[in-house]
All heavy atoms as atom14 arrays in JSON, in Angstrom:
{
  "sequence": "ERFHMPCEYAFMLTTALRFVPDFLSDSKATLDAQSCRGYSNRGSVFK",
  "atom14_mask": [
    [1, 1, 1, 1, 1, 1, 1, 1, 1, 0, 0, 0, 0, 0],
    [1, 1, 1, 1, 1, 1, 1, 1, 1, 1, 1, 0, 0, 0],
    [1, 1, 1, 1, 1, 1, 1, 1, 1, 1, 1, 0, 0, 0],
    [1, 1, 1, 1, 1, 1, 1, 1, 1, 1, 0, 0, 0, 0],
    [1, 1, 1, 1, 1, 1, 1, 1, 0, 0, 0, 0, 0, 0],
    [1, 1, 1, 1, 1, 1, 1, 0, 0, 0, 0, 0, 0, 0],
    [1, 1, 1, 1, 1, 1, 0, 0, 0, 0, 0, 0, 0, 0],
    [1, 1, 1, 1, 1, 1, 1, 1, 1, 0, 0, 0, 0, 0],
    [1, 1, 1, 1, 1, 1, 1, 1, 1, 1, 1, 1, 0, 0],
    [1, 1, 1, 1, 1, 0, 0, 0, 0, 0, 0, 0, 0, 0],
    [1, 1, 1, 1, 1, 1, 1, 1, 1, 1, 1, 0, 0, 0],
    [1, 1, 1, 1, 1, 1, 1, 1, 0, 0, 0, 0, 0, 0],
    [1, 1, 1, 1, 1, 1, 1, 1, 0, 0, 0, 0, 0, 0],
    [1, 1, 1, 1, 1, 1, 1, 0, 0, 0, 0, 0, 0, 0],
    [1, 1, 1, 1, 1, 1, 1, 0, 0, 0, 0, 0, 0, 0],
    [1, 1, 1, 1, 1, 0, 0, 0, 0, 0, 0, 0, 0, 0],
    [1, 1, 1, 1, 1, 1, 1, 1, 0, 0, 0, 0, 0, 0],
    [1, 1, 1, 1, 1, 1, 1, 1, 1, 1, 1, 0, 0, 0],
    [1, 1, 1, 1, 1, 1, 1, 1, 1, 1, 1, 0, 0, 0],
    [1, 1, 1, 1, 1, 1, 1, 0, 0, 0, 0, 0, 0, 0],
    [1, 1, 1, 1, 1, 1, 1, 0, 0, 0, 0, 0, 0, 0],
    [1, 1, 1, 1, 1, 1, 1, 1, 0, 0, 0, 0, 0, 0],
    [1, 1, 1, 1, 1, 1, 1, 1, 1, 1, 1, 0, 0, 0],
    [1, 1, 1, 1, 1, 1, 1, 1, 0, 0, 0, 0, 0, 0],
    [1, 1, 1, 1, 1, 1, 0, 0, 0, 0, 0, 0, 0, 0],
    [1, 1, 1, 1, 1, 1, 1, 1, 0, 0, 0, 0, 0, 0],
    [1, 1, 1, 1, 1, 1, 0, 0, 0, 0, 0, 0, 0, 0],
    [1, 1, 1, 1, 1, 1, 1, 1, 1, 0, 0, 0, 0, 0],
    [1, 1, 1, 1, 1, 0, 0, 0, 0, 0, 0, 0, 0, 0],
    [1, 1, 1, 1, 1, 1, 1, 0, 0, 0, 0, 0, 0, 0],
    [1, 1, 1, 1, 1, 1, 1, 1, 0, 0, 0, 0, 0, 0],
    [1, 1, 1, 1, 1, 1, 1, 1, 0, 0, 0, 0, 0, 0],
    [1, 1, 1, 1, 1, 0, 0, 0, 0, 0, 0, 0, 0, 0],
    [1, 1, 1, 1, 1, 1, 1, 1, 1, 0, 0, 0, 0, 0],
    [1, 1, 1, 1, 1, 1, 0, 0, 0, 0, 0, 0, 0, 0],
    [1, 1, 1, 1, 1, 1, 0, 0, 0, 0, 0, 0, 0, 0],
    [1, 1, 1, 1, 1, 1, 1, 1, 1, 1, 1, 0, 0, 0],
    [1, 1, 1, 1, 0, 0, 0, 0, 0, 0, 0, 0, 0, 0],
    [1, 1, 1, 1, 1, 1, 1, 1, 1, 1, 1, 1, 0, 0],
    [1, 1, 1, 1, 1, 1, 0, 0, 0, 0, 0, 0, 0, 0],
    [1, 1, 1, 1, 1, 1, 1, 1, 0, 0, 0, 0, 0, 0],
    [1, 1, 1, 1, 1, 1, 1, 1, 1, 1, 1, 0, 0, 0],
    [1, 1, 1, 1, 0, 0, 0, 0, 0, 0, 0, 0, 0, 0],
    [1, 1, 1, 1, 1, 1, 0, 0, 0, 0, 0, 0, 0, 0],
    [1, 1, 1, 1, 1, 1, 1, 0, 0, 0, 0, 0, 0, 0],
    [1, 1, 1, 1, 1, 1, 1, 1, 1, 1, 1, 0, 0, 0],
    [1, 1, 1, 1, 1, 1, 1, 1, 1, 0, 0, 0, 0, 0]
  ],
  "atom14_positions": [
    [[-39.46, 180.24, 150.17], [-38.9, 179.27, 149.23], [-39.55, 177.89, 149.33], [-39.9, 177.3, 148.31], [-37.39, 179.13, 149.49], [-36.58, 180.36, 149.1], [-35.1, 180.12, 149.3], [-34.74, 179.05, 149.83], [-34.3, 181.01, 148.95], [0.0, 0.0, 0.0], [0.0, 0.0, 0.0], [0.0, 0.0, 0.0], [0.0, 0.0, 0.0], [0.0, 0.0, 0.0]],
    [[-39.74, 177.4, 150.55], [-40.22, 176.02, 150.73], [-41.73, 175.92, 150.83], [-42.33, 175.0, 150.28], [-39.58, 175.43, 152.0], [-38.06, 175.42, 151.98], [-37.54, 174.39, 150.97], [-36.06, 174.35, 151.0], [-35.36, 173.47, 150.29], [-35.97, 172.59, 149.53], [-34.03, 173.49, 150.35], [0.0, 0.0, 0.0], [0.0, 0.0, 0.0], [0.0, 0.0, 0.0]],
    [[-42.34, 176.87, 151.54], [-43.79, 176.82, 151.72], [-44.54, 177.71, 150.72], [-45.77, 177.77, 150.76], [-44.15, 177.25, 153.15], [-43.67, 176.28, 154.2], [-42.45, 176.48, 154.82], [-44.42, 175.18, 154.54], [-42.0, 175.59, 155.8], [-43.98, 174.29, 155.51], [-42.77, 174.5, 156.14], [0.0, 0.0, 0.0], [0.0, 0.0, 0.0], [0.0, 0.0, 0.0]],
    [[-43.79, 178.4, 149.88], [-44.35, 179.23, 148.81], [-45.35, 180.27, 149.34], [-46.38, 180.55, 148.73], [-45.03, 178.36, 147.75], [-44.1, 177.35, 147.14], [-43.11, 177.71, 146.24], [-43.99, 176.01, 147.33], [-42.44, 176.62, 145.88], [-42.96, 175.59, 146.53], [0.0, 0.0, 0.0], [0.0, 0.0, 0.0], [0.0, 0.0, 0.0], [0.0, 0.0, 0.0]],
    [[-45.03, 180.82, 150.49], [-45.84, 181.91, 151.03], [-45.44, 183.21, 150.36], [-44.25, 183.44, 150.09], [-45.62, 182.02, 152.55], [-46.42, 183.14, 153.21], [-46.09, 183.27, 154.99], [-46.86, 181.76, 155.59], [0.0, 0.0, 0.0], [0.0, 0.0, 0.0], [0.0, 0.0, 0.0], [0.0, 0.0, 0.0], [0.0, 0.0, 0.0], [0.0, 0.0, 0.0]],
    [[-46.4, 184.09, 150.02], [-46.03, 185.39, 149.44], [-45.06, 186.14, 150.35], [-45.19, 186.1, 151.57], [-47.37, 186.11, 149.33], [-48.38, 185.02, 149.23], [-47.86, 183.9, 150.09], [0.0, 0.0, 0.0], [0.0, 0.0, 0.0], [0.0, 0.0, 0.0], [0.0, 0.0, 0.0], [0.0, 0.0, 0.0], [0.0, 0.0, 0.0], [0.0, 0.0, 0.0]],
    [[-44.09, 186.79, 149.73], [-43.03, 187.44, 150.51], [-43.58, 188.5, 151.45], [-43.04, 188.72, 152.54], [-41.98, 188.03, 149.58], [-42.59, 189.29, 148.45], [0.0, 0.0, 0.0], [0.0, 0.0, 0.0], [0.0, 0.0, 0.0], [0.0, 0.0, 0.0], [0.0, 0.0, 0.0], [0.0, 0.0, 0.0], [0.0, 0.0, 0.0], [0.0, 0.0, 0.0]],
    [[-44.67, 189.18, 151.04], [-45.24, 190.21, 151.89], [-45.77, 189.62, 153.2], [-45.55, 190.17, 154.28], [-46.37, 190.96, 151.17], [-45.92, 191.79, 149.98], [-45.77, 190.96, 148.72], [-46.06, 189.74, 148.79], [-45.36, 191.52, 147.68], [0.0, 0.0, 0.0], [0.0, 0.0, 0.0], [0.0, 0.0, 0.0], [0.0, 0.0, 0.0], [0.0, 0.0, 0.0]],
    [[-46.46, 188.47, 153.1], [-47.01, 187.84, 154.3], [-45.9, 187.25, 155.17], [-45.97, 187.3, 156.41], [-48.01, 186.76, 153.92], [-49.25, 187.3, 153.23], [-49.42, 187.13, 151.86], [-50.22, 187.98, 153.93], [-50.54, 187.62, 151.22], [-51.35, 188.48, 153.3], [-51.5, 188.3, 151.94], [-52.61, 188.8, 151.31], [0.0, 0.0, 0.0], [0.0, 0.0, 0.0]],
    [[-44.89, 186.69, 154.54], [-43.77, 186.14, 155.31], [-43.03, 187.24, 156.06], [-42.68, 187.08, 157.24], [-42.81, 185.4, 154.38], [0.0, 0.0, 0.0], [0.0, 0.0, 0.0], [0.0, 0.0, 0.0], [0.0, 0.0, 0.0], [0.0, 0.0, 0.0], [0.0, 0.0, 0.0], [0.0, 0.0, 0.0], [0.0, 0.0, 0.0], [0.0, 0.0, 0.0]],
    [[-42.82, 188.36, 155.37], [-42.14, 189.48, 156.04], [-43.0, 190.04, 157.16], [-42.48, 190.39, 158.23], [-41.83, 190.57, 155.01], [-41.08, 191.74, 155.58], [-39.71, 191.68, 155.76], [-41.74, 192.89, 155.97], [-39.01, 192.75, 156.3], [-41.06, 193.97, 156.5], [-39.69, 193.9, 156.68], [0.0, 0.0, 0.0], [0.0, 0.0, 0.0], [0.0, 0.0, 0.0]],
    [[-44.31, 190.13, 156.94], [-45.2, 190.65, 157.97], [-45.19, 189.75, 159.2], [-45.14, 190.24, 160.34], [-46.62, 190.76, 157.42], [-47.65, 191.3, 158.4], [-49.26, 191.48, 157.64], [-49.61, 189.76, 157.19], [0.0, 0.0, 0.0], [0.0, 0.0, 0.0], [0.0, 0.0, 0.0], [0.0, 0.0, 0.0], [0.0, 0.0, 0.0], [0.0, 0.0, 0.0]],
    [[-45.22, 188.43, 158.98], [-45.22, 187.5, 160.1], [-43.92, 187.57, 160.89], [-43.93, 187.67, 162.12], [-45.44, 186.08, 159.58], [-45.36, 184.95, 160.6], [-46.45, 185.11, 161.66], [-45.48, 183.59, 159.92], [0.0, 0.0, 0.0], [0.0, 0.0, 0.0], [0.0, 0.0, 0.0], [0.0, 0.0, 0.0], [0.0, 0.0, 0.0], [0.0, 0.0, 0.0]],
    [[-42.79, 187.52, 160.2], [-41.5, 187.53, 160.89], [-41.21, 188.88, 161.53], [-40.56, 188.95, 162.57], [-40.38, 187.15, 159.92], [-40.44, 188.02, 158.76], [-40.52, 185.71, 159.47], [0.0, 0.0, 0.0], [0.0, 0.0, 0.0], [0.0, 0.0, 0.0], [0.0, 0.0, 0.0], [0.0, 0.0, 0.0], [0.0, 0.0, 0.0], [0.0, 0.0, 0.0]],
    [[-41.68, 189.97, 160.91], [-41.48, 191.28, 161.51], [-42.27, 191.42, 162.8], [-41.79, 192.02, 163.78], [-41.89, 192.38, 160.52], [-41.13, 192.25, 159.32], [-41.64, 193.76, 161.1], [0.0, 0.0, 0.0], [0.0, 0.0, 0.0], [0.0, 0.0, 0.0], [0.0, 0.0, 0.0], [0.0, 0.0, 0.0], [0.0, 0.0, 0.0], [0.0, 0.0, 0.0]],
    [[-43.47, 190.86, 162.82], [-44.26, 190.88, 164.05], [-43.55, 190.13, 165.17], [-43.53, 190.58, 166.33], [-45.64, 190.27, 163.8], [0.0, 0.0, 0.0], [0.0, 0.0, 0.0], [0.0, 0.0, 0.0], [0.0, 0.0, 0.0], [0.0, 0.0, 0.0], [0.0, 0.0, 0.0], [0.0, 0.0, 0.0], [0.0, 0.0, 0.0], [0.0, 0.0, 0.0]],
    [[-42.94, 188.99, 164.84], [-42.19, 188.24, 165.84], [-40.96, 189.01, 166.31], [-40.59, 188.96, 167.49], [-41.76, 186.88, 165.26], [-42.89, 185.92, 164.89], [-42.32, 184.69, 164.22], [-43.69, 185.53, 166.12], [0.0, 0.0, 0.0], [0.0, 0.0, 0.0], [0.0, 0.0, 0.0], [0.0, 0.0, 0.0], [0.0, 0.0, 0.0], [0.0, 0.0, 0.0]],
    [[-40.34, 189.73, 165.39], [-39.15, 190.49, 165.74], [-39.48, 191.69, 166.63], [-38.68, 192.08, 167.48], [-38.46, 190.96, 164.46], [-37.17, 191.74, 164.71], [-36.59, 192.22, 163.39], [-36.25, 191.11, 162.51], [-35.83, 191.28, 161.26], [-35.72, 192.49, 160.74], [-35.53, 190.22, 160.53], [0.0, 0.0, 0.0], [0.0, 0.0, 0.0], [0.0, 0.0, 0.0]],
    [[-40.67, 192.27, 166.45], [-41.01, 193.48, 167.19], [-41.6, 193.19, 168.56], [-41.8, 194.12, 169.33], [-42.01, 194.32, 166.38], [-41.35, 195.32, 165.48], [-40.75, 194.92, 164.3], [-41.29, 196.65, 165.82], [-40.13, 195.82, 163.47], [-40.67, 197.57, 165.01], [-40.08, 197.17, 163.83], [0.0, 0.0, 0.0], [0.0, 0.0, 0.0], [0.0, 0.0, 0.0]],
    [[-41.89, 191.93, 168.86], [-42.45, 191.61, 170.18], [-41.48, 191.96, 171.3], [-41.86, 192.67, 172.25], [-42.87, 190.13, 170.23], [-43.17, 189.71, 171.67], [-44.1, 189.9, 169.37], [0.0, 0.0, 0.0], [0.0, 0.0, 0.0], [0.0, 0.0, 0.0], [0.0, 0.0, 0.0], [0.0, 0.0, 0.0], [0.0, 0.0, 0.0], [0.0, 0.0, 0.0]],
    [[-40.22, 191.51, 171.28], [-39.3, 191.91, 172.36], [-39.04, 193.41, 172.4], [-38.89, 193.99, 173.48], [-38.02, 191.12, 172.07], [-38.12, 190.75, 170.63], [-39.56, 190.59, 170.34], [0.0, 0.0, 0.0], [0.0, 0.0, 0.0], [0.0, 0.0, 0.0], [0.0, 0.0, 0.0], [0.0, 0.0, 0.0], [0.0, 0.0, 0.0], [0.0, 0.0, 0.0]],
    [[-38.99, 194.06, 171.22], [-38.82, 195.51, 171.19], [-40.01, 196.22, 171.83], [-39.85, 197.2, 172.56], [-38.64, 196.0, 169.76], [-37.34, 195.5, 169.13], [-36.43, 195.14, 169.9], [-37.25, 195.45, 167.9], [0.0, 0.0, 0.0], [0.0, 0.0, 0.0], [0.0, 0.0, 0.0], [0.0, 0.0, 0.0], [0.0, 0.0, 0.0], [0.0, 0.0, 0.0]],
    [[-41.21, 195.71, 171.56], [-42.41, 196.32, 172.13], [-42.43, 196.16, 173.64], [-42.83, 197.09, 174.37], [-43.65, 195.67, 171.5], [-44.94, 196.33, 171.89], [-45.35, 197.49, 171.25], [-45.73, 195.79, 172.89], [-46.54, 198.1, 171.6], [-46.91, 196.39, 173.25], [-47.33, 197.55, 172.6], [0.0, 0.0, 0.0], [0.0, 0.0, 0.0], [0.0, 0.0, 0.0]],
    [[-41.99, 195.0, 174.14], [-41.95, 194.78, 175.58], [-40.93, 195.7, 176.26], [-41.2, 196.26, 177.33], [-41.62, 193.31, 175.88], [-42.68, 192.29, 175.46], [-42.19, 190.88, 175.73], [-43.99, 192.54, 176.2], [0.0, 0.0, 0.0], [0.0, 0.0, 0.0], [0.0, 0.0, 0.0], [0.0, 0.0, 0.0], [0.0, 0.0, 0.0], [0.0, 0.0, 0.0]],
    [[-39.77, 195.85, 175.64], [-38.77, 196.76, 176.21], [-39.23, 198.2, 176.17], [-38.99, 198.97, 177.11], [-37.44, 196.6, 175.47], [-37.59, 196.93, 174.11], [0.0, 0.0, 0.0], [0.0, 0.0, 0.0], [0.0, 0.0, 0.0], [0.0, 0.0, 0.0], [0.0, 0.0, 0.0], [0.0, 0.0, 0.0], [0.0, 0.0, 0.0], [0.0, 0.0, 0.0]],
    [[-39.92, 198.6, 175.09], [-40.46, 199.96, 175.0], [-41.53, 200.2, 176.06], [-41.62, 201.3, 176.62], [-41.06, 200.21, 173.61], [-39.99, 200.36, 172.54], [-38.81, 200.54, 172.91], [-40.32, 200.27, 171.34], [0.0, 0.0, 0.0], [0.0, 0.0, 0.0], [0.0, 0.0, 0.0], [0.0, 0.0, 0.0], [0.0, 0.0, 0.0], [0.0, 0.0, 0.0]],
    [[-42.35, 199.19, 176.32], [-43.39, 199.35, 177.34], [-42.78, 199.55, 178.73], [-43.26, 200.36, 179.51], [-44.32, 198.13, 177.34], [-43.6, 196.97, 177.69], [0.0, 0.0, 0.0], [0.0, 0.0, 0.0], [0.0, 0.0, 0.0], [0.0, 0.0, 0.0], [0.0, 0.0, 0.0], [0.0, 0.0, 0.0], [0.0, 0.0, 0.0], [0.0, 0.0, 0.0]],
    [[-41.7, 198.82, 179.01], [-41.03, 198.98, 180.31], [-40.4, 200.37, 180.41], [-40.5, 201.03, 181.46], [-39.98, 197.9, 180.49], [-39.31, 197.91, 181.86], [-38.31, 196.79, 181.99], [-37.69, 196.76, 183.38], [-37.04, 198.05, 183.75], [0.0, 0.0, 0.0], [0.0, 0.0, 0.0], [0.0, 0.0, 0.0], [0.0, 0.0, 0.0], [0.0, 0.0, 0.0]],
    [[-39.74, 200.82, 179.32], [-39.13, 202.15, 179.34], [-40.18, 203.25, 179.47], [-39.99, 204.23, 180.2], [-38.3, 202.35, 178.07], [0.0, 0.0, 0.0], [0.0, 0.0, 0.0], [0.0, 0.0, 0.0], [0.0, 0.0, 0.0], [0.0, 0.0, 0.0], [0.0, 0.0, 0.0], [0.0, 0.0, 0.0], [0.0, 0.0, 0.0], [0.0, 0.0, 0.0]],
    [[-41.3, 203.09, 178.78], [-42.37, 204.09, 178.86], [-42.98, 204.11, 180.25], [-43.29, 205.19, 180.79], [-43.46, 203.77, 177.82], [-42.87, 203.71, 176.52], [-44.54, 204.84, 177.83], [0.0, 0.0, 0.0], [0.0, 0.0, 0.0], [0.0, 0.0, 0.0], [0.0, 0.0, 0.0], [0.0, 0.0, 0.0], [0.0, 0.0, 0.0], [0.0, 0.0, 0.0]],
    [[-43.17, 202.94, 180.85], [-43.72, 202.88, 182.2], [-42.79, 203.54, 183.21], [-43.24, 204.28, 184.1], [-43.97, 201.42, 182.59], [-44.59, 201.16, 183.97], [-45.95, 201.84, 184.07], [-44.7, 199.68, 184.23], [0.0, 0.0, 0.0], [0.0, 0.0, 0.0], [0.0, 0.0, 0.0], [0.0, 0.0, 0.0], [0.0, 0.0, 0.0], [0.0, 0.0, 0.0]],
    [[-41.48, 203.32, 183.07], [-40.52, 203.97, 183.97], [-40.52, 205.48, 183.78], [-40.45, 206.25, 184.76], [-39.11, 203.41, 183.72], [-39.0, 201.94, 184.12], [-39.84, 201.48, 184.91], [-38.09, 201.26, 183.61], [0.0, 0.0, 0.0], [0.0, 0.0, 0.0], [0.0, 0.0, 0.0], [0.0, 0.0, 0.0], [0.0, 0.0, 0.0], [0.0, 0.0, 0.0]],
    [[-40.61, 205.93, 182.53], [-40.62, 207.37, 182.25], [-41.87, 208.03, 182.83], [-41.8, 209.12, 183.42], [-40.53, 207.62, 180.75], [0.0, 0.0, 0.0], [0.0, 0.0, 0.0], [0.0, 0.0, 0.0], [0.0, 0.0, 0.0], [0.0, 0.0, 0.0], [0.0, 0.0, 0.0], [0.0, 0.0, 0.0], [0.0, 0.0, 0.0], [0.0, 0.0, 0.0]],
    [[-43.02, 207.38, 182.67], [-44.26, 207.95, 183.2], [-44.3, 207.89, 184.72], [-44.9, 208.76, 185.36], [-45.46, 207.2, 182.62], [-45.63, 207.37, 181.11], [-45.83, 208.81, 180.7], [-44.86, 209.54, 180.5], [-47.07, 209.22, 180.58], [0.0, 0.0, 0.0], [0.0, 0.0, 0.0], [0.0, 0.0, 0.0], [0.0, 0.0, 0.0], [0.0, 0.0, 0.0]],
    [[-43.65, 206.89, 185.31], [-43.58, 206.83, 186.77], [-42.76, 207.99, 187.33], [-43.08, 208.52, 188.4], [-42.97, 205.49, 187.21], [-43.76, 204.41, 186.77], [0.0, 0.0, 0.0], [0.0, 0.0, 0.0], [0.0, 0.0, 0.0], [0.0, 0.0, 0.0], [0.0, 0.0, 0.0], [0.0, 0.0, 0.0], [0.0, 0.0, 0.0], [0.0, 0.0, 0.0]],
    [[-41.71, 208.38, 186.61], [-40.93, 209.54, 187.04], [-41.74, 210.84, 186.95], [-41.43, 211.82, 187.64], [-39.66, 209.67, 186.19], [-38.5, 208.31, 186.38], [0.0, 0.0, 0.0], [0.0, 0.0, 0.0], [0.0, 0.0, 0.0], [0.0, 0.0, 0.0], [0.0, 0.0, 0.0], [0.0, 0.0, 0.0], [0.0, 0.0, 0.0], [0.0, 0.0, 0.0]],
    [[-42.77, 210.83, 186.11], [-43.62, 212.01, 185.96], [-44.84, 211.98, 186.89], [-45.75, 212.8, 186.76], [-44.09, 212.14, 184.51], [-42.97, 212.39, 183.51], [-43.54, 212.58, 182.11], [-42.52, 212.93, 181.15], [-41.86, 212.06, 180.4], [-42.13, 210.77, 180.52], [-40.94, 212.45, 179.54], [0.0, 0.0, 0.0], [0.0, 0.0, 0.0], [0.0, 0.0, 0.0]],
    [[-44.89, 211.0, 187.8], [-45.97, 210.95, 188.76], [-47.04, 209.93, 188.48], [-48.1, 209.95, 189.13], [0.0, 0.0, 0.0], [0.0, 0.0, 0.0], [0.0, 0.0, 0.0], [0.0, 0.0, 0.0], [0.0, 0.0, 0.0], [0.0, 0.0, 0.0], [0.0, 0.0, 0.0], [0.0, 0.0, 0.0], [0.0, 0.0, 0.0], [0.0, 0.0, 0.0]],
    [[-46.8, 209.03, 187.54], [-47.8, 208.0, 187.25], [-47.91, 207.03, 188.4], [-46.91, 206.6, 188.97], [-47.42, 207.25, 185.97], [-48.18, 205.96, 185.76], [-49.5, 205.99, 185.35], [-47.57, 204.73, 186.01], [-50.21, 204.81, 185.16], [-48.28, 203.55, 185.82], [-49.58, 203.59, 185.4], [-50.28, 202.43, 185.22], [0.0, 0.0, 0.0], [0.0, 0.0, 0.0]],
    [[-49.14, 206.67, 188.76], [-49.39, 205.73, 189.85], [-50.48, 204.76, 189.41], [-51.49, 205.16, 188.83], [-49.83, 206.47, 191.12], [-50.15, 205.54, 192.15], [0.0, 0.0, 0.0], [0.0, 0.0, 0.0], [0.0, 0.0, 0.0], [0.0, 0.0, 0.0], [0.0, 0.0, 0.0], [0.0, 0.0, 0.0], [0.0, 0.0, 0.0], [0.0, 0.0, 0.0]],
    [[-50.27, 203.49, 189.71], [-51.24, 202.46, 189.35], [-51.99, 201.93, 190.57], [-52.38, 200.77, 190.62], [-50.56, 201.31, 188.62], [-49.49, 200.65, 189.46], [-49.12, 201.16, 190.53], [-48.99, 199.52, 189.02], [0.0, 0.0, 0.0], [0.0, 0.0, 0.0], [0.0, 0.0, 0.0], [0.0, 0.0, 0.0], [0.0, 0.0, 0.0], [0.0, 0.0, 0.0]],
    [[-52.17, 202.78, 191.55], [-52.89, 202.38, 192.76], [-54.37, 202.72, 192.61], [-54.76, 203.54, 191.8], [-52.31, 203.09, 193.97], [-50.84, 202.73, 194.26], [-50.33, 203.49, 195.46], [-48.93, 203.16, 195.73], [-48.22, 203.71, 196.71], [-48.78, 204.61, 197.52], [-46.96, 203.35, 196.88], [0.0, 0.0, 0.0], [0.0, 0.0, 0.0], [0.0, 0.0, 0.0]],
    [[-55.17, 202.06, 193.45], [-56.61, 202.28, 193.42], [-57.36, 201.08, 192.89], [-56.82, 199.97, 192.81], [0.0, 0.0, 0.0], [0.0, 0.0, 0.0], [0.0, 0.0, 0.0], [0.0, 0.0, 0.0], [0.0, 0.0, 0.0], [0.0, 0.0, 0.0], [0.0, 0.0, 0.0], [0.0, 0.0, 0.0], [0.0, 0.0, 0.0], [0.0, 0.0, 0.0]],
    [[-58.61, 201.3, 192.51], [-59.44, 200.22, 192.0], [-58.99, 199.81, 190.6], [-58.14, 200.45, 189.98], [-60.91, 200.65, 191.98], [-61.09, 201.75, 191.11], [0.0, 0.0, 0.0], [0.0, 0.0, 0.0], [0.0, 0.0, 0.0], [0.0, 0.0, 0.0], [0.0, 0.0, 0.0], [0.0, 0.0, 0.0], [0.0, 0.0, 0.0], [0.0, 0.0, 0.0]],
    [[-59.62, 198.75, 190.09], [-59.26, 198.25, 188.76], [-59.57, 199.28, 187.69], [-58.79, 199.5, 186.76], [-60.01, 196.92, 188.48], [-59.72, 196.44, 187.06], [-59.64, 195.87, 189.5], [0.0, 0.0, 0.0], [0.0, 0.0, 0.0], [0.0, 0.0, 0.0], [0.0, 0.0, 0.0], [0.0, 0.0, 0.0], [0.0, 0.0, 0.0], [0.0, 0.0, 0.0]],
    [[-60.71, 199.95, 187.82], [-61.09, 200.96, 186.83], [-60.15, 202.16, 186.86], [-59.82, 202.72, 185.8], [-62.54, 201.4, 187.08], [-63.54, 200.3, 186.93], [-64.06, 199.66, 188.04], [-63.95, 199.87, 185.67], [-64.99, 198.64, 187.91], [-64.86, 198.85, 185.51], [-65.38, 198.23, 186.65], [0.0, 0.0, 0.0], [0.0, 0.0, 0.0], [0.0, 0.0, 0.0]],
    [[-59.72, 202.56, 188.04], [-58.77, 203.66, 188.13], [-57.43, 203.28, 187.52], [-56.77, 204.1, 186.87], [-58.59, 204.07, 189.6], [-59.78, 204.81, 190.2], [-59.49, 205.26, 191.61], [-60.66, 206.04, 192.19], [-60.39, 206.49, 193.58], [0.0, 0.0, 0.0], [0.0, 0.0, 0.0], [0.0, 0.0, 0.0], [0.0, 0.0, 0.0], [0.0, 0.0, 0.0]]
  ]
}
């Protein structure tokens, strides 16, 4: 309304901001699930 940005770009920008905390919580849940399946982050940086 005020900055006259196209609604598609405004929705895209605000949706990206909204999905950041969801993405962080999903990453933590996925990491915990993979750790239960034997995932290990030990070793060198490349490993």
